[in-house]
Each structure stands twice: as C-alpha cells, then as structure tokens.
C-alpha cells in the first residue's frame, strides 16, 4: 500500500517527466475528454451544490477515484471554498460549488478552449459577458480567485448553515497558509519523490527513506529551493518570509521526531533522517530569519534546540 496521498499518486502519474511521451499524451487525451464530460454536467445546473466524498463523486460521474482526484485538483482554484486536496482520501467530503466567473476565466487562462467554448456557458453568460471575461483574463494573465464568501452567507458546501457556523471554522492547513497547493506542486515538480509506475534504473526515495524523513525533507526543499523568476518581479522580503515559514514547520517536525525517538545529537538525527539537508544547513538560517522577522521567542526556541543537539 502506498504511503503517498491520493493527490500525490495522481500527480506522480500525470506529471511523470520520465514516462513515455506517447503514453503520457494518450493519458491526457483520455483525461481531457472525461474532464469535459464532467464540466458539461456541472454547467447544466451551475447553481446546484454538488457534494459528497471523493469516492461518491467518482461513482456519480462514472470514474475511478484517481481520475476524480485529478478533476478536484484542476477545479480547486475556482471553488468558492477550496477542498483539502493535499490531505484528502477517498472518504473525505468535498464540494464542487464553483464561482462561475472565476471558473470561466481560469479555463481561459489554461487555454482550454474545449472547456470555455462549451455550449452550456451560453445559458450562463451572454456573448458580450463571455467576451468581456475573456479579455479581462487575457489582460491579467493570472489565475482568478473566486469571490470571497461572507461570514453570514450560506455555506458553499451545501450544508444549509451560514458560512461562519460551518466551513469558516474548519482550520486552514499550515501549508496552505504559506502558499497554494498549485504553487507547492510547481515547486516540487523536480523533487525526486516516488512515481507510481517504476522505471528501471531510477532511484526512488521511498526505497531508502521513511515517509517522515521525506516529509521533513520536502519542507526543507520548499523553503530553500530557488524559485526561478524575472529579476524585476523578485520580492526578496516575501521570499525570506516564505523560507522562514517552511523552515519553521521543518523545525517543529524535526524537534517532534527527535523527542519521540530520544535523539540527543545532530549526528544521530542526520543519520536517521537527513536526505538532502543536514540540520546545520538550515537551523542557523532559521534562527536569523526569525530574529529578523521579530519572532524572538521562536528564535530562542530554535537556538535552545541547537545548543541541546550540539552538546
């Protein structure tokens, strides 16, 4: 049984850079037809709140769970309340309550003309409105976030409760508080994790490291990897904050692992858990970032752990 989440399993197949190109093209051609069919059904009743577990929605649309996960991944940025796609399993309850304008614009942004030209859109928007949305998106060139749901609005999940008494109370994951799942997925595109389909001669981390070590390494990778971008678009302060947040999550995980295992030194910890980074590669950097960010208590916690592990 795989230790990957179902989203990771989907992405390991859909974005496998080592897969046969012809096979991958056939995979996506099949998926795009399925995606089109599901959107045709959704757009027929755009105000209906479709919800259920991942498995139930897969059955509703006549698909396997993995294909449904791919659809949920694609639509997530267009939902009024995003689903917890990073952590969900087949029994997680999800919803497909989408923002119409956001969905149309995101289809345009994805250059998915087979989706934004679906005839069902003609019943939702006038021709003039579609042209306006098309031009707005082309000018902006960014993924559109749906209109924010008000506290007293009906919850988009379809429960019948007010948003403040329902999904607003659900905790936001620590990872989503740093950046979106799409941004993380892009940053991890070259991370040497584990493909579902084995390729002869390729090394897989799961063959050599436990899941806890890989999760820790991914946090460090997300925090320390250089994100390519145009120099005039670079925001050094924003990048430092992102690095600090990822390294702080990594520190909390490392400290918890150390306490659970009774590890007393960096050498022992690195022997058990280091993959791409040794503790000394990032602990000092984290302490400095926390101090610079005014988080003095957190910085002292890092320094105290550093002294303990260095003794």
Protein backbone atom coordinates (compact mmCIF):
# COMPACT_ATOMS: atom_id res chain seq x y z
CA UNK A 1 0.00 0.00 0.00
CA UNK A 2 1.41 3.41 -1.00
CA UNK A 3 2.25 5.99 1.67
CA UNK A 4 1.52 8.78 -0.80
CA UNK A 5 -1.69 10.78 -0.58
CA UNK A 6 -4.13 10.22 -3.43
CA UNK A 7 -3.23 13.66 -4.83
CA UNK A 8 0.46 12.75 -4.83
CA UNK A 9 -0.38 9.46 -6.55
CA UNK A 10 -2.32 11.32 -9.25
CA UNK A 11 0.46 13.86 -9.83
CA UNK A 12 3.15 11.17 -9.90
CA UNK A 13 1.37 9.67 -12.91
CA UNK A 14 0.02 12.80 -14.61
CA UNK A 15 3.27 14.80 -14.40
CA UNK A 16 5.79 11.97 -14.67
CA UNK A 17 8.61 13.52 -16.71
CA UNK A 18 10.18 10.10 -17.24
CA UNK A 19 7.11 8.49 -18.73
CA UNK A 20 6.89 7.55 -22.41
CA UNK A 21 5.73 10.71 -24.22
CA UNK A 22 3.22 8.94 -26.43
CA UNK A 23 1.75 7.12 -23.46
CA UNK A 24 1.51 10.37 -21.49
CA UNK A 25 -0.20 12.12 -24.41
CA UNK A 26 -2.79 9.34 -24.60
CA UNK A 27 -3.29 9.61 -20.84
CA UNK A 28 -4.04 13.34 -21.06
CA UNK A 29 -6.22 12.99 -24.16
CA UNK A 30 -8.38 10.49 -22.29
CA UNK A 31 -8.46 12.67 -19.18
CA UNK A 32 -9.44 15.83 -21.10
CA UNK A 33 -12.46 14.02 -22.56
CA UNK A 34 -13.50 12.88 -19.09
CA UNK A 35 -12.97 16.40 -17.70
CA UNK A 36 -15.10 17.87 -20.48
CA UNK A 37 -17.92 15.42 -19.73
CA UNK A 38 -17.94 16.28 -16.03
CA UNK A 39 -17.97 20.03 -16.74
CA UNK A 40 -20.86 19.58 -19.17
CA UNK A 41 -22.88 18.04 -16.35
CA UNK A 42 -21.84 20.65 -13.78
CA UNK A 43 -22.60 23.60 -16.06
CA UNK A 44 -26.09 22.28 -16.86
CA UNK A 45 -27.03 23.14 -13.27
CA UNK A 46 -24.43 25.75 -12.23
CA UNK A 47 -26.21 26.73 -9.00
CA UNK A 48 -26.57 23.18 -7.72
CA UNK A 49 -24.09 22.41 -4.94
CA UNK A 50 -22.61 19.01 -5.78
CA UNK A 51 -21.01 17.43 -2.73
CA UNK A 52 -20.07 14.05 -1.31
CA UNK A 53 -17.00 12.02 -0.56
CA UNK A 54 -14.32 11.70 -3.23
CA UNK A 55 -15.41 8.12 -3.80
CA UNK A 56 -19.09 9.11 -4.07
CA UNK A 57 -18.34 11.80 -6.66
CA UNK A 58 -16.20 9.34 -8.62
CA UNK A 59 -19.17 6.95 -8.72
CA UNK A 60 -21.56 9.79 -9.60
CA UNK A 61 -19.52 10.67 -12.69
CA UNK A 62 -18.62 7.08 -13.55
CA UNK A 63 -14.88 7.44 -12.90
CA UNK A 64 -12.25 5.82 -10.75
CA UNK A 65 -11.11 7.65 -7.62
CA UNK A 66 -7.75 8.67 -9.09
CA UNK A 67 -9.35 10.39 -12.09
CA UNK A 68 -11.76 12.20 -9.79
CA UNK A 69 -8.78 13.40 -7.76
CA UNK A 70 -7.30 14.89 -10.94
CA UNK A 71 -10.55 16.76 -11.59
CA UNK A 72 -10.67 18.05 -8.00
CA UNK A 73 -7.08 19.24 -8.36
CA UNK A 74 -7.93 21.15 -11.52
CA UNK A 75 -11.09 22.86 -10.29
CA UNK A 76 -9.87 23.73 -6.79
CA UNK A 77 -8.77 27.32 -7.57
CA UNK A 78 -12.24 28.06 -8.97
CA UNK A 79 -14.23 26.88 -5.94
CA UNK A 80 -15.88 29.24 -3.50
CA UNK A 81 -14.35 27.20 -0.68
CA UNK A 82 -11.33 25.10 -1.78
CA UNK A 83 -11.24 21.43 -0.85
CA UNK A 84 -8.39 19.99 1.29
CA UNK A 85 -6.87 18.30 -1.75
CA UNK A 86 -3.40 17.93 -0.20
CA UNK A 87 -4.62 15.71 2.62
CA UNK A 88 -7.87 14.18 1.36
CA UNK A 89 -8.52 10.48 0.90
CA UNK A 90 -11.40 8.74 -0.85
CA UNK A 91 -13.65 9.20 2.20
CA UNK A 92 -13.06 12.96 2.54
CA UNK A 93 -16.19 15.04 1.92
CA UNK A 94 -15.67 17.59 -0.83
CA UNK A 95 -17.82 20.01 -2.79
CA UNK A 96 -17.88 21.40 -6.32
CA UNK A 97 -19.52 24.76 -5.56
CA UNK A 98 -17.73 26.89 -8.14
CA UNK A 99 -17.61 30.61 -8.81
CA UNK A 100 -18.88 30.96 -12.39
CA UNK A 101 -16.72 33.90 -13.44
CA UNK A 102 -13.61 32.50 -11.78
CA UNK A 103 -14.09 29.12 -13.47
CA UNK A 104 -14.60 30.65 -16.91
CA UNK A 105 -11.53 32.87 -16.55
CA UNK A 106 -9.37 30.02 -15.27
CA UNK A 107 -10.40 27.92 -18.28
CA UNK A 108 -9.29 30.81 -20.48
CA UNK A 109 -6.02 31.08 -18.55
CA UNK A 110 -5.41 27.36 -19.09
CA UNK A 111 -6.05 27.85 -22.84
CA UNK A 112 -8.69 25.10 -22.54
CA UNK A 113 -10.87 26.23 -25.45
CA UNK A 114 -12.72 22.88 -25.38
CA UNK A 115 -13.97 23.93 -21.94
CA UNK A 116 -14.64 27.66 -22.15
CA UNK A 117 -16.40 27.10 -25.50
CA UNK A 118 -18.81 24.52 -24.09
CA UNK A 119 -22.39 25.37 -25.17
CA UNK A 120 -23.53 25.22 -21.54
CA UNK A 121 -21.79 28.56 -20.95
CA UNK A 122 -24.30 30.19 -23.34
CA UNK A 123 -27.04 29.59 -20.77
CA UNK A 124 -24.95 31.18 -18.01
CA UNK A 125 -23.41 34.24 -19.68
CA UNK A 126 -24.36 36.38 -22.66
CA UNK A 127 -21.97 36.52 -25.59
CA UNK A 128 -20.94 40.03 -24.52
CA UNK A 129 -20.22 38.84 -20.97
CA UNK A 130 -18.12 35.93 -22.19
CA UNK A 131 -16.08 38.24 -24.41
CA UNK A 132 -15.57 40.64 -21.50
CA UNK A 133 -14.43 37.85 -19.18
CA UNK A 134 -12.13 36.50 -21.89
CA UNK A 135 -10.47 39.88 -22.42
CA UNK A 136 -10.19 40.54 -18.67
CA UNK A 137 -8.36 37.27 -18.16
CA UNK A 138 -6.10 37.70 -21.17
CA UNK A 139 -5.06 41.12 -19.89
CA UNK A 140 -4.44 39.93 -16.33
CA UNK A 141 -2.69 36.66 -17.20
CA UNK A 142 -3.20 35.29 -13.68
CA UNK A 143 -5.33 32.60 -12.06
CA UNK A 144 -8.56 34.14 -10.80
CA UNK A 145 -9.52 33.66 -7.20
CA UNK A 146 -13.27 33.34 -6.59
CA UNK A 147 -15.31 35.95 -4.78
CA UNK A 148 -14.82 35.70 -1.03
CA UNK A 149 -17.74 34.15 0.82
CA UNK A 150 -19.18 36.42 3.53
CA UNK A 151 -19.47 35.23 7.13
CA UNK A 152 -23.27 35.35 7.02
CA UNK A 153 -23.62 33.93 3.52
CA UNK A 154 -24.93 30.36 3.04
CA UNK A 155 -22.01 27.95 3.21
CA UNK A 156 -20.99 26.85 -0.31
CA UNK A 157 -20.63 23.24 0.90
CA UNK A 158 -24.42 22.95 0.79
CA UNK A 159 -24.98 22.23 4.47
CA UNK A 160 -27.65 24.93 4.75
CA UNK A 161 -25.74 26.63 7.58
CA UNK A 162 -24.17 30.07 7.50
CA UNK A 163 -20.54 30.07 6.41
CA UNK A 164 -19.41 31.34 9.85
CA UNK A 165 -21.08 28.36 11.53
CA UNK A 166 -19.74 25.78 9.10
CA UNK A 167 -16.65 25.71 6.88
CA UNK A 168 -15.24 29.00 8.18
CA UNK A 169 -14.50 27.18 11.44
CA UNK A 170 -12.50 24.48 9.70
CA UNK A 171 -8.80 25.02 10.30
CA UNK A 172 -6.63 26.04 7.36
CA UNK A 173 -3.64 23.80 6.89
CA UNK A 174 -0.24 25.22 7.83
CA UNK A 175 0.99 24.58 4.29
CA UNK A 176 -1.92 26.42 2.65
CA UNK A 177 -1.20 29.40 4.90
CA UNK A 178 2.20 29.72 3.18
CA UNK A 179 1.23 29.20 -0.46
CA UNK A 180 -1.37 27.41 -2.55
CA UNK A 181 -1.30 23.73 -3.41
CA UNK A 182 -0.70 24.68 -7.05
CA UNK A 183 2.36 26.73 -6.13
CA UNK A 184 3.73 23.91 -3.99
CA UNK A 185 3.11 21.41 -6.74
CA UNK A 186 5.04 23.57 -9.21
CA UNK A 187 7.93 23.96 -6.77
CA UNK A 188 8.02 20.19 -6.17
CA UNK A 189 7.87 19.31 -9.86
CA UNK A 190 11.52 18.22 -9.87
CA UNK A 191 11.56 16.80 -6.36
CA UNK A 192 12.76 13.16 -6.54
CA UNK A 193 9.84 11.61 -4.70
CA UNK A 194 8.17 8.38 -5.81
CA UNK A 195 6.47 7.66 -9.10
CA UNK A 196 3.65 5.14 -9.05
CA UNK A 197 4.98 3.47 -12.16
CA UNK A 198 8.51 2.15 -11.61
CA UNK A 199 11.16 2.91 -14.22
CA UNK A 200 14.14 0.59 -14.44
CA UNK A 201 17.42 2.13 -13.33
CA UNK A 202 15.84 5.08 -11.48
CA UNK A 203 16.28 5.64 -7.74
CA UNK A 204 13.23 6.23 -5.54
CA UNK A 205 13.41 7.89 -2.13
CA UNK A 206 10.84 5.53 -0.62
CA UNK A 207 13.26 2.67 -1.19
CA UNK A 208 15.80 4.27 1.13
CA UNK A 209 13.95 6.63 3.48
CA UNK A 210 10.83 6.51 5.64
CA UNK A 211 7.84 8.77 4.99
CA UNK A 212 8.56 11.02 7.99
CA UNK A 213 12.04 11.78 6.68
CA UNK A 214 10.68 12.51 3.20
CA UNK A 215 8.00 14.86 4.57
CA UNK A 216 10.68 16.73 6.56
CA UNK A 217 12.94 16.91 3.50
CA UNK A 218 10.11 18.27 1.36
CA UNK A 219 9.51 21.11 3.82
CA UNK A 220 13.21 21.98 3.69
CA UNK A 221 13.21 21.72 -0.10
CA UNK A 222 10.19 24.04 -0.41
CA UNK A 223 11.85 26.55 1.90
CA UNK A 224 15.33 26.53 0.43
CA UNK A 225 14.90 25.86 -3.28
CA UNK A 226 15.49 28.85 -5.52
CA UNK A 227 12.27 29.77 -7.35
CA UNK A 228 13.14 30.96 -10.90
CA UNK A 229 11.58 34.31 -11.79
CA UNK A 230 12.34 37.54 -13.60
CA UNK A 231 14.64 39.74 -11.53
CA UNK A 232 12.27 42.73 -11.61
CA UNK A 233 9.48 40.55 -10.22
CA UNK A 234 11.55 39.21 -7.33
CA UNK A 235 10.41 40.19 -3.84
CA UNK A 236 13.30 39.34 -1.55
CA UNK A 237 11.35 40.06 1.63
CA UNK A 238 8.44 37.86 0.56
CA UNK A 239 10.83 35.04 -0.33
CA UNK A 240 12.53 35.31 3.07
CA UNK A 241 9.18 35.07 4.85
CA UNK A 242 8.22 32.01 2.81
CA UNK A 243 11.57 30.37 3.60
CA UNK A 244 11.17 31.18 7.29
CA UNK A 245 7.67 29.65 7.43
CA UNK A 246 8.70 26.42 5.72
CA UNK A 247 11.82 26.07 7.86
CA UNK A 248 9.76 26.73 10.99
CA UNK A 249 7.42 23.85 10.06
CA UNK A 250 10.50 21.71 9.39
CA UNK A 251 11.95 22.64 12.79
CA UNK A 252 8.74 21.71 14.58
CA UNK A 253 8.65 18.37 12.79
CA UNK A 254 12.35 17.70 13.44
CA UNK A 255 12.04 18.57 17.12
CA UNK A 256 8.98 16.34 17.48
CA UNK A 257 10.75 13.45 15.76
CA UNK A 258 13.81 13.93 17.97
CA UNK A 259 11.73 13.87 21.13
CA UNK A 260 9.77 10.79 20.03
CA UNK A 261 12.95 8.89 19.22
CA UNK A 262 15.06 10.16 22.11
CA UNK A 263 17.68 11.57 19.73
CA UNK A 264 20.28 13.71 21.52
CA UNK A 265 22.66 14.93 18.79
CA UNK A 266 22.59 16.29 15.25
CA UNK A 267 24.82 13.45 14.12
CA UNK A 268 22.29 10.89 15.32
CA UNK A 269 19.35 12.82 13.89
CA UNK A 270 21.01 13.28 10.48
CA UNK A 271 21.92 9.60 10.40
CA UNK A 272 18.24 8.73 10.74
CA UNK A 273 16.51 11.46 8.76
CA UNK A 274 18.80 13.61 6.56
CA UNK A 275 18.20 13.24 2.81
CA UNK A 276 19.27 16.43 1.04
CA UNK A 277 19.93 18.68 4.05
CA UNK A 278 21.83 18.25 7.30
CA UNK A 279 20.44 20.09 10.33
CA UNK A 280 23.33 22.54 10.39
CA UNK A 281 22.48 23.51 6.79
CA UNK A 282 19.31 25.28 7.90
CA UNK A 283 18.99 25.70 11.69
CA UNK A 284 21.20 28.80 11.85
CA UNK A 285 19.43 30.33 8.86
CA UNK A 286 16.03 29.79 10.52
CA UNK A 287 17.15 31.44 13.77
CA UNK A 288 18.36 34.50 11.85
CA UNK A 289 15.16 34.76 9.80
CA UNK A 290 13.02 34.53 12.92
CA UNK A 291 15.04 37.25 14.64
CA UNK A 292 14.83 39.49 11.56
CA UNK A 293 11.08 38.88 11.45
CA UNK A 294 10.61 39.91 15.07
CA UNK A 295 9.73 36.39 16.23
CA UNK A 296 12.19 36.44 19.11
CA UNK A 297 10.57 33.70 21.23
CA UNK A 298 10.54 31.30 18.28
CA UNK A 299 14.15 32.18 17.52
CA UNK A 300 15.13 31.39 21.11
CA UNK A 301 13.36 28.03 20.86
CA UNK A 302 15.44 27.20 17.77
CA UNK A 303 18.66 28.35 19.46
CA UNK A 304 17.88 26.29 22.57
CA UNK A 305 17.32 23.16 20.46
CA UNK A 306 20.51 23.90 18.54
CA UNK A 307 22.51 24.07 21.78
CA UNK A 308 20.96 20.87 23.05
CA UNK A 309 21.70 18.96 19.84
CA UNK A 310 25.21 20.41 19.57
CA UNK A 311 26.24 19.41 23.11
